[in-house]
Amino acid sequence: ELFQANQKVSILYDNHGLTRYEGLIKAIKNEGAPDLVLGDGQFISLSSIVGVNGIFAPDYSEC
């Protein structure tokens, strides 16, 4: 939804420690494991995302 609307996102993901990204999602790839391509060109796995725009995955309990 945010990707299709070209809206800025705030993502918290696990990259051997929590990492924050704010910006646009450039693309969604589904070759093997699904990935997001972020506005700065980096790829992150969907399975590493723990929160988007303040909404956290139900299985995330590190806070």
PDB file of N, CA and C in Angstrom:
ATOM      1  N   GLU A   1       0.818  -1.189   0.000  1.00  0.00           N
ATOM      2  CA  GLU A   1       0.000   0.000   0.000  1.00  0.00           C
ATOM      3  C   GLU A   1       0.868   1.261   0.000  1.00  0.00           C
ATOM      4  N   LEU A   2       1.837   1.340   0.924  1.00  0.00           N
ATOM      5  CA  LEU A   2       2.720   2.503   0.975  1.00  0.00           C
ATOM      6  C   LEU A   2       3.598   2.574  -0.268  1.00  0.00           C
ATOM      7  N   PHE A   3       4.044   1.412  -0.731  1.00  0.00           N
ATOM      8  CA  PHE A   3       4.857   1.345  -1.947  1.00  0.00           C
ATOM      9  C   PHE A   3       4.056   1.845  -3.144  1.00  0.00           C
ATOM     10  N   GLN A   4       2.838   1.353  -3.291  1.00  0.00           N
ATOM     11  CA  GLN A   4       2.006   1.736  -4.435  1.00  0.00           C
ATOM     12  C   GLN A   4       1.653   3.221  -4.410  1.00  0.00           C
ATOM     13  N   ALA A   5       1.495   3.779  -3.220  1.00  0.00           N
ATOM     14  CA  ALA A   5       1.155   5.196  -3.086  1.00  0.00           C
ATOM     15  C   ALA A   5       2.390   6.091  -3.120  1.00  0.00           C
ATOM     16  N   ASN A   6       3.580   5.476  -3.229  1.00  0.00           N
ATOM     17  CA  ASN A   6       4.847   6.204  -3.246  1.00  0.00           C
ATOM     18  C   ASN A   6       4.984   7.115  -2.020  1.00  0.00           C
ATOM     19  N   GLN A   7       4.608   6.561  -0.843  1.00  0.00           N
ATOM     20  CA  GLN A   7       4.675   7.306   0.411  1.00  0.00           C
ATOM     21  C   GLN A   7       5.923   6.921   1.193  1.00  0.00           C
ATOM     22  N   LYS A   8       6.446   7.885   1.927  1.00  0.00           N
ATOM     23  CA  LYS A   8       7.608   7.660   2.777  1.00  0.00           C
ATOM     24  C   LYS A   8       7.258   6.655   3.877  1.00  0.00           C
ATOM     25  N   VAL A   9       8.212   5.766   4.181  1.00  0.00           N
ATOM     26  CA  VAL A   9       8.021   4.778   5.238  1.00  0.00           C
ATOM     27  C   VAL A   9       9.131   4.905   6.270  1.00  0.00           C
ATOM     28  N   SER A  10       8.828   4.463   7.458  1.00  0.00           N
ATOM     29  CA  SER A  10       9.808   4.337   8.525  1.00  0.00           C
ATOM     30  C   SER A  10       9.847   2.860   8.894  1.00  0.00           C
ATOM     31  N   ILE A  11      10.976   2.203   8.606  1.00  0.00           N
ATOM     32  CA  ILE A  11      11.104   0.759   8.794  1.00  0.00           C
ATOM     33  C   ILE A  11      12.158   0.482   9.858  1.00  0.00           C
ATOM     34  N   LEU A  12      11.846  -0.440  10.746  1.00  0.00           N
ATOM     35  CA  LEU A  12      12.804  -0.946  11.720  1.00  0.00           C
ATOM     36  C   LEU A  12      13.038  -2.402  11.356  1.00  0.00           C
ATOM     37  N   TYR A  13      14.302  -2.766  11.107  1.00  0.00           N
ATOM     38  CA  TYR A  13      14.598  -4.138  10.703  1.00  0.00           C
ATOM     39  C   TYR A  13      15.852  -4.639  11.396  1.00  0.00           C
ATOM     40  N   ASP A  14      15.993  -5.957  11.431  1.00  0.00           N
ATOM     41  CA  ASP A  14      17.111  -6.599  12.113  1.00  0.00           C
ATOM     42  C   ASP A  14      18.228  -6.872  11.117  1.00  0.00           C
ATOM     43  N   ASN A  15      19.347  -6.189  11.308  1.00  0.00           N
ATOM     44  CA  ASN A  15      20.528  -6.365  10.473  1.00  0.00           C
ATOM     45  C   ASN A  15      21.704  -6.625  11.407  1.00  0.00           C
ATOM     46  N   HIS A  16      21.632  -7.763  12.132  1.00  0.00           N
ATOM     47  CA  HIS A  16      22.594  -8.080  13.202  1.00  0.00           C
ATOM     48  C   HIS A  16      22.555  -6.976  14.253  1.00  0.00           C
ATOM     49  N   GLY A  17      21.377  -6.537  14.576  1.00  0.00           N
ATOM     50  CA  GLY A  17      21.091  -5.414  15.457  1.00  0.00           C
ATOM     51  C   GLY A  17      20.018  -4.590  14.762  1.00  0.00           C
ATOM     52  N   LEU A  18      19.238  -3.865  15.518  1.00  0.00           N
ATOM     53  CA  LEU A  18      18.141  -3.104  14.917  1.00  0.00           C
ATOM     54  C   LEU A  18      18.668  -1.928  14.100  1.00  0.00           C
ATOM     55  N   THR A  19      18.104  -1.765  12.918  1.00  0.00           N
ATOM     56  CA  THR A  19      18.494  -0.706  11.993  1.00  0.00           C
ATOM     57  C   THR A  19      17.232   0.021  11.563  1.00  0.00           C
ATOM     58  N   ARG A  20      17.348   1.328  11.440  1.00  0.00           N
ATOM     59  CA  ARG A  20      16.198   2.143  11.057  1.00  0.00           C
ATOM     60  C   ARG A  20      16.415   2.693   9.653  1.00  0.00           C
ATOM     61  N   TYR A  21      15.349   2.718   8.868  1.00  0.00           N
ATOM     62  CA  TYR A  21      15.381   3.313   7.534  1.00  0.00           C
ATOM     63  C   TYR A  21      14.156   4.204   7.382  1.00  0.00           C
ATOM     64  N   GLU A  22      14.365   5.386   6.840  1.00  0.00           N
ATOM     65  CA  GLU A  22      13.251   6.270   6.498  1.00  0.00           C
ATOM     66  C   GLU A  22      13.421   6.705   5.062  1.00  0.00           C
ATOM     67  N   GLY A  23      12.384   6.538   4.290  1.00  0.00           N
ATOM     68  CA  GLY A  23      12.430   6.937   2.887  1.00  0.00           C
ATOM     69  C   GLY A  23      11.398   6.177   2.085  1.00  0.00           C
ATOM     70  N   LEU A  24      11.676   6.027   0.807  1.00  0.00           N
ATOM     71  CA  LEU A  24      10.745   5.370  -0.105  1.00  0.00           C
ATOM     72  C   LEU A  24      11.175   3.940  -0.388  1.00  0.00           C
ATOM     73  N   ILE A  25      10.212   3.108  -0.715  1.00  0.00           N
ATOM     74  CA  ILE A  25      10.487   1.759  -1.194  1.00  0.00           C
ATOM     75  C   ILE A  25      10.526   1.857  -2.713  1.00  0.00           C
ATOM     76  N   LYS A  26      11.656   1.483  -3.289  1.00  0.00           N
ATOM     77  CA  LYS A  26      11.842   1.587  -4.737  1.00  0.00           C
ATOM     78  C   LYS A  26      11.190   0.423  -5.483  1.00  0.00           C
ATOM     79  N   ALA A  27      11.275  -0.790  -4.909  1.00  0.00           N
ATOM     80  CA  ALA A  27      10.722  -1.976  -5.579  1.00  0.00           C
ATOM     81  C   ALA A  27      10.527  -3.088  -4.563  1.00  0.00           C
ATOM     82  N   ILE A  28       9.698  -4.057  -4.941  1.00  0.00           N
ATOM     83  CA  ILE A  28       9.512  -5.276  -4.157  1.00  0.00           C
ATOM     84  C   ILE A  28       9.905  -6.433  -5.059  1.00  0.00           C
ATOM     85  N   LYS A  29      10.908  -7.189  -4.637  1.00  0.00           N
ATOM     86  CA  LYS A  29      11.403  -8.330  -5.418  1.00  0.00           C
ATOM     87  C   LYS A  29      10.932  -9.613  -4.760  1.00  0.00           C
ATOM     88  N   ASN A  30      10.602 -10.602  -5.553  1.00  0.00           N
ATOM     89  CA  ASN A  30      10.160 -11.883  -5.012  1.00  0.00           C
ATOM     90  C   ASN A  30      10.884 -13.013  -5.737  1.00  0.00           C
ATOM     91  N   GLU A  31      12.200 -12.946  -5.713  1.00  0.00           N
ATOM     92  CA  GLU A  31      13.035 -13.978  -6.329  1.00  0.00           C
ATOM     93  C   GLU A  31      13.644 -14.799  -5.200  1.00  0.00           C
ATOM     94  N   GLY A  32      13.044 -15.931  -4.879  1.00  0.00           N
ATOM     95  CA  GLY A  32      13.461 -16.689  -3.698  1.00  0.00           C
ATOM     96  C   GLY A  32      12.753 -16.104  -2.500  1.00  0.00           C
ATOM     97  N   ALA A  33      13.518 -15.521  -1.592  1.00  0.00           N
ATOM     98  CA  ALA A  33      12.931 -14.848  -0.430  1.00  0.00           C
ATOM     99  C   ALA A  33      12.548 -13.425  -0.840  1.00  0.00           C
ATOM    100  N   PRO A  34      11.364 -12.949  -0.443  1.00  0.00           N
ATOM    101  CA  PRO A  34      10.953 -11.595  -0.827  1.00  0.00           C
ATOM    102  C   PRO A  34      11.849 -10.528  -0.203  1.00  0.00           C
ATOM    103  N   ASP A  35      12.193  -9.521  -0.981  1.00  0.00           N
ATOM    104  CA  ASP A  35      13.039  -8.418  -0.545  1.00  0.00           C
ATOM    105  C   ASP A  35      12.397  -7.092  -0.920  1.00  0.00           C
ATOM    106  N   LEU A  36      12.743  -6.064  -0.155  1.00  0.00           N
ATOM    107  CA  LEU A  36      12.414  -4.697  -0.529  1.00  0.00           C
ATOM    108  C   LEU A  36      13.675  -4.051  -1.069  1.00  0.00           C
ATOM    109  N   VAL A  37      13.528  -3.258  -2.109  1.00  0.00           N
ATOM    110  CA  VAL A  37      14.621  -2.424  -2.586  1.00  0.00           C
ATOM    111  C   VAL A  37      14.290  -1.021  -2.098  1.00  0.00           C
ATOM    112  N   LEU A  38      15.162  -0.487  -1.256  1.00  0.00           N
ATOM    113  CA  LEU A  38      14.912   0.816  -0.654  1.00  0.00           C
ATOM    114  C   LEU A  38      15.367   1.933  -1.582  1.00  0.00           C
ATOM    115  N   GLY A  39      14.950   3.130  -1.286  1.00  0.00           N
ATOM    116  CA  GLY A  39      15.270   4.284  -2.113  1.00  0.00           C
ATOM    117  C   GLY A  39      16.749   4.517  -2.299  1.00  0.00           C
ATOM    118  N   ASP A  40      17.565   4.099  -1.322  1.00  0.00           N
ATOM    119  CA  ASP A  40      19.015   4.270  -1.441  1.00  0.00           C
ATOM    120  C   ASP A  40      19.682   3.088  -2.140  1.00  0.00           C
ATOM    121  N   GLY A  41      18.875   2.123  -2.631  1.00  0.00           N
ATOM    122  CA  GLY A  41      19.412   0.995  -3.386  1.00  0.00           C
ATOM    123  C   GLY A  41      19.686  -0.261  -2.592  1.00  0.00           C
ATOM    124  N   GLN A  42      19.643  -0.181  -1.268  1.00  0.00           N
ATOM    125  CA  GLN A  42      19.913  -1.390  -0.483  1.00  0.00           C
ATOM    126  C   GLN A  42      18.715  -2.332  -0.494  1.00  0.00           C
ATOM    127  N   PHE A  43      19.014  -3.615  -0.331  1.00  0.00           N
ATOM    128  CA  PHE A  43      17.989  -4.660  -0.272  1.00  0.00           C
ATOM    129  C   PHE A  43      17.820  -5.072   1.182  1.00  0.00           C
ATOM    130  N   ILE A  44      16.583  -5.253   1.627  1.00  0.00           N
ATOM    131  CA  ILE A  44      16.355  -5.859   2.937  1.00  0.00           C
ATOM    132  C   ILE A  44      15.303  -6.952   2.784  1.00  0.00           C
ATOM    133  N   SER A  45      15.496  -8.021   3.504  1.00  0.00           N
ATOM    134  CA  SER A  45      14.574  -9.151   3.468  1.00  0.00           C
ATOM    135  C   SER A  45      13.303  -8.794   4.231  1.00  0.00           C
ATOM    136  N   LEU A  46      12.170  -9.171   3.681  1.00  0.00           N
ATOM    137  CA  LEU A  46      10.907  -8.922   4.385  1.00  0.00           C
ATOM    138  C   LEU A  46      10.890  -9.600   5.748  1.00  0.00           C
ATOM    139  N   SER A  47      11.545 -10.753   5.857  1.00  0.00           N
ATOM    140  CA  SER A  47      11.547 -11.480   7.130  1.00  0.00           C
ATOM    141  C   SER A  47      12.345 -10.758   8.212  1.00  0.00           C
ATOM    142  N   SER A  48      13.179  -9.778   7.846  1.00  0.00           N
ATOM    143  CA  SER A  48      13.973  -9.048   8.837  1.00  0.00           C
ATOM    144  C   SER A  48      13.235  -7.833   9.399  1.00  0.00           C
ATOM    145  N   ILE A  49      12.095  -7.479   8.822  1.00  0.00           N
ATOM    146  CA  ILE A  49      11.358  -6.284   9.251  1.00  0.00           C
ATOM    147  C   ILE A  49      10.609  -6.570  10.550  1.00  0.00           C
ATOM    148  N   VAL A  50      10.814  -5.686  11.537  1.00  0.00           N
ATOM    149  CA  VAL A  50      10.115  -5.843  12.816  1.00  0.00           C
ATOM    150  C   VAL A  50       9.046  -4.770  13.013  1.00  0.00           C
ATOM    151  N   GLY A  51       9.122  -3.683  12.254  1.00  0.00           N
ATOM    152  CA  GLY A  51       8.111  -2.643  12.385  1.00  0.00           C
ATOM    153  C   GLY A  51       8.085  -1.713  11.187  1.00  0.00           C
ATOM    154  N   VAL A  52       6.885  -1.227  10.865  1.00  0.00           N
ATOM    155  CA  VAL A  52       6.702  -0.254   9.785  1.00  0.00           C
ATOM    156  C   VAL A  52       5.772   0.835  10.300  1.00  0.00           C
ATOM    157  N   ASN A  53       6.252   2.072  10.238  1.00  0.00           N
ATOM    158  CA  ASN A  53       5.461   3.238  10.659  1.00  0.00           C
ATOM    159  C   ASN A  53       4.834   3.045  12.042  1.00  0.00           C
ATOM    160  N   GLY A  54       5.603   2.495  12.964  1.00  0.00           N
ATOM    161  CA  GLY A  54       5.157   2.342  14.347  1.00  0.00           C
ATOM    162  C   GLY A  54       4.320   1.112  14.633  1.00  0.00           C
ATOM    163  N   ILE A  55       4.060   0.292  13.632  1.00  0.00           N
ATOM    164  CA  ILE A  55       3.306  -0.950  13.831  1.00  0.00           C
ATOM    165  C   ILE A  55       4.299  -2.100  13.804  1.00  0.00           C
ATOM    166  N   PHE A  56       4.344  -2.863  14.896  1.00  0.00           N
ATOM    167  CA  PHE A  56       5.349  -3.908  15.051  1.00  0.00           C
ATOM    168  C   PHE A  56       4.775  -5.291  14.794  1.00  0.00           C
ATOM    169  N   ALA A  57       5.635  -6.184  14.311  1.00  0.00           N
ATOM    170  CA  ALA A  57       5.256  -7.582  14.091  1.00  0.00           C
ATOM    171  C   ALA A  57       4.859  -8.194  15.429  1.00  0.00           C
ATOM    172  N   PRO A  58       3.824  -9.036  15.463  1.00  0.00           N
ATOM    173  CA  PRO A  58       3.353  -9.618  16.722  1.00  0.00           C
ATOM    174  C   PRO A  58       4.401 -10.476  17.427  1.00  0.00           C
ATOM    175  N   ASP A  59       5.329 -11.057  16.684  1.00  0.00           N
ATOM    176  CA  ASP A  59       6.340 -11.918  17.312  1.00  0.00           C
ATOM    177  C   ASP A  59       7.570 -11.140  17.769  1.00  0.00           C
ATOM    178  N   TYR A  60       7.559  -9.810  17.619  1.00  0.00           N
ATOM    179  CA  TYR A  60       8.694  -8.998  18.052  1.00  0.00           C
ATOM    180  C   TYR A  60       8.476  -8.552  19.492  1.00  0.00           C
ATOM    181  N   SER A  61       9.417  -8.899  20.352  1.00  0.00           N
ATOM    182  CA  SER A  61       9.255  -8.564  21.778  1.00  0.00           C
ATOM    183  C   SER A  61      10.533  -8.029  22.395  1.00  0.00           C
ATOM    184  N   GLU A  62      11.426  -7.430  21.599  1.00  0.00           N
ATOM    185  CA  GLU A  62      12.704  -6.973  22.126  1.00  0.00           C
ATOM    186  C   GLU A  62      12.635  -5.602  22.776  1.00  0.00           C
ATOM    187  N   CYS A  63      11.570  -4.855  22.589  1.00  0.00           N
ATOM    188  CA  CYS A  63      11.462  -3.512  23.180  1.00  0.00           C
ATOM    189  C   CYS A  63      11.107  -3.586  24.645  1.00  0.00           C
TER     190      CYS A  63
END
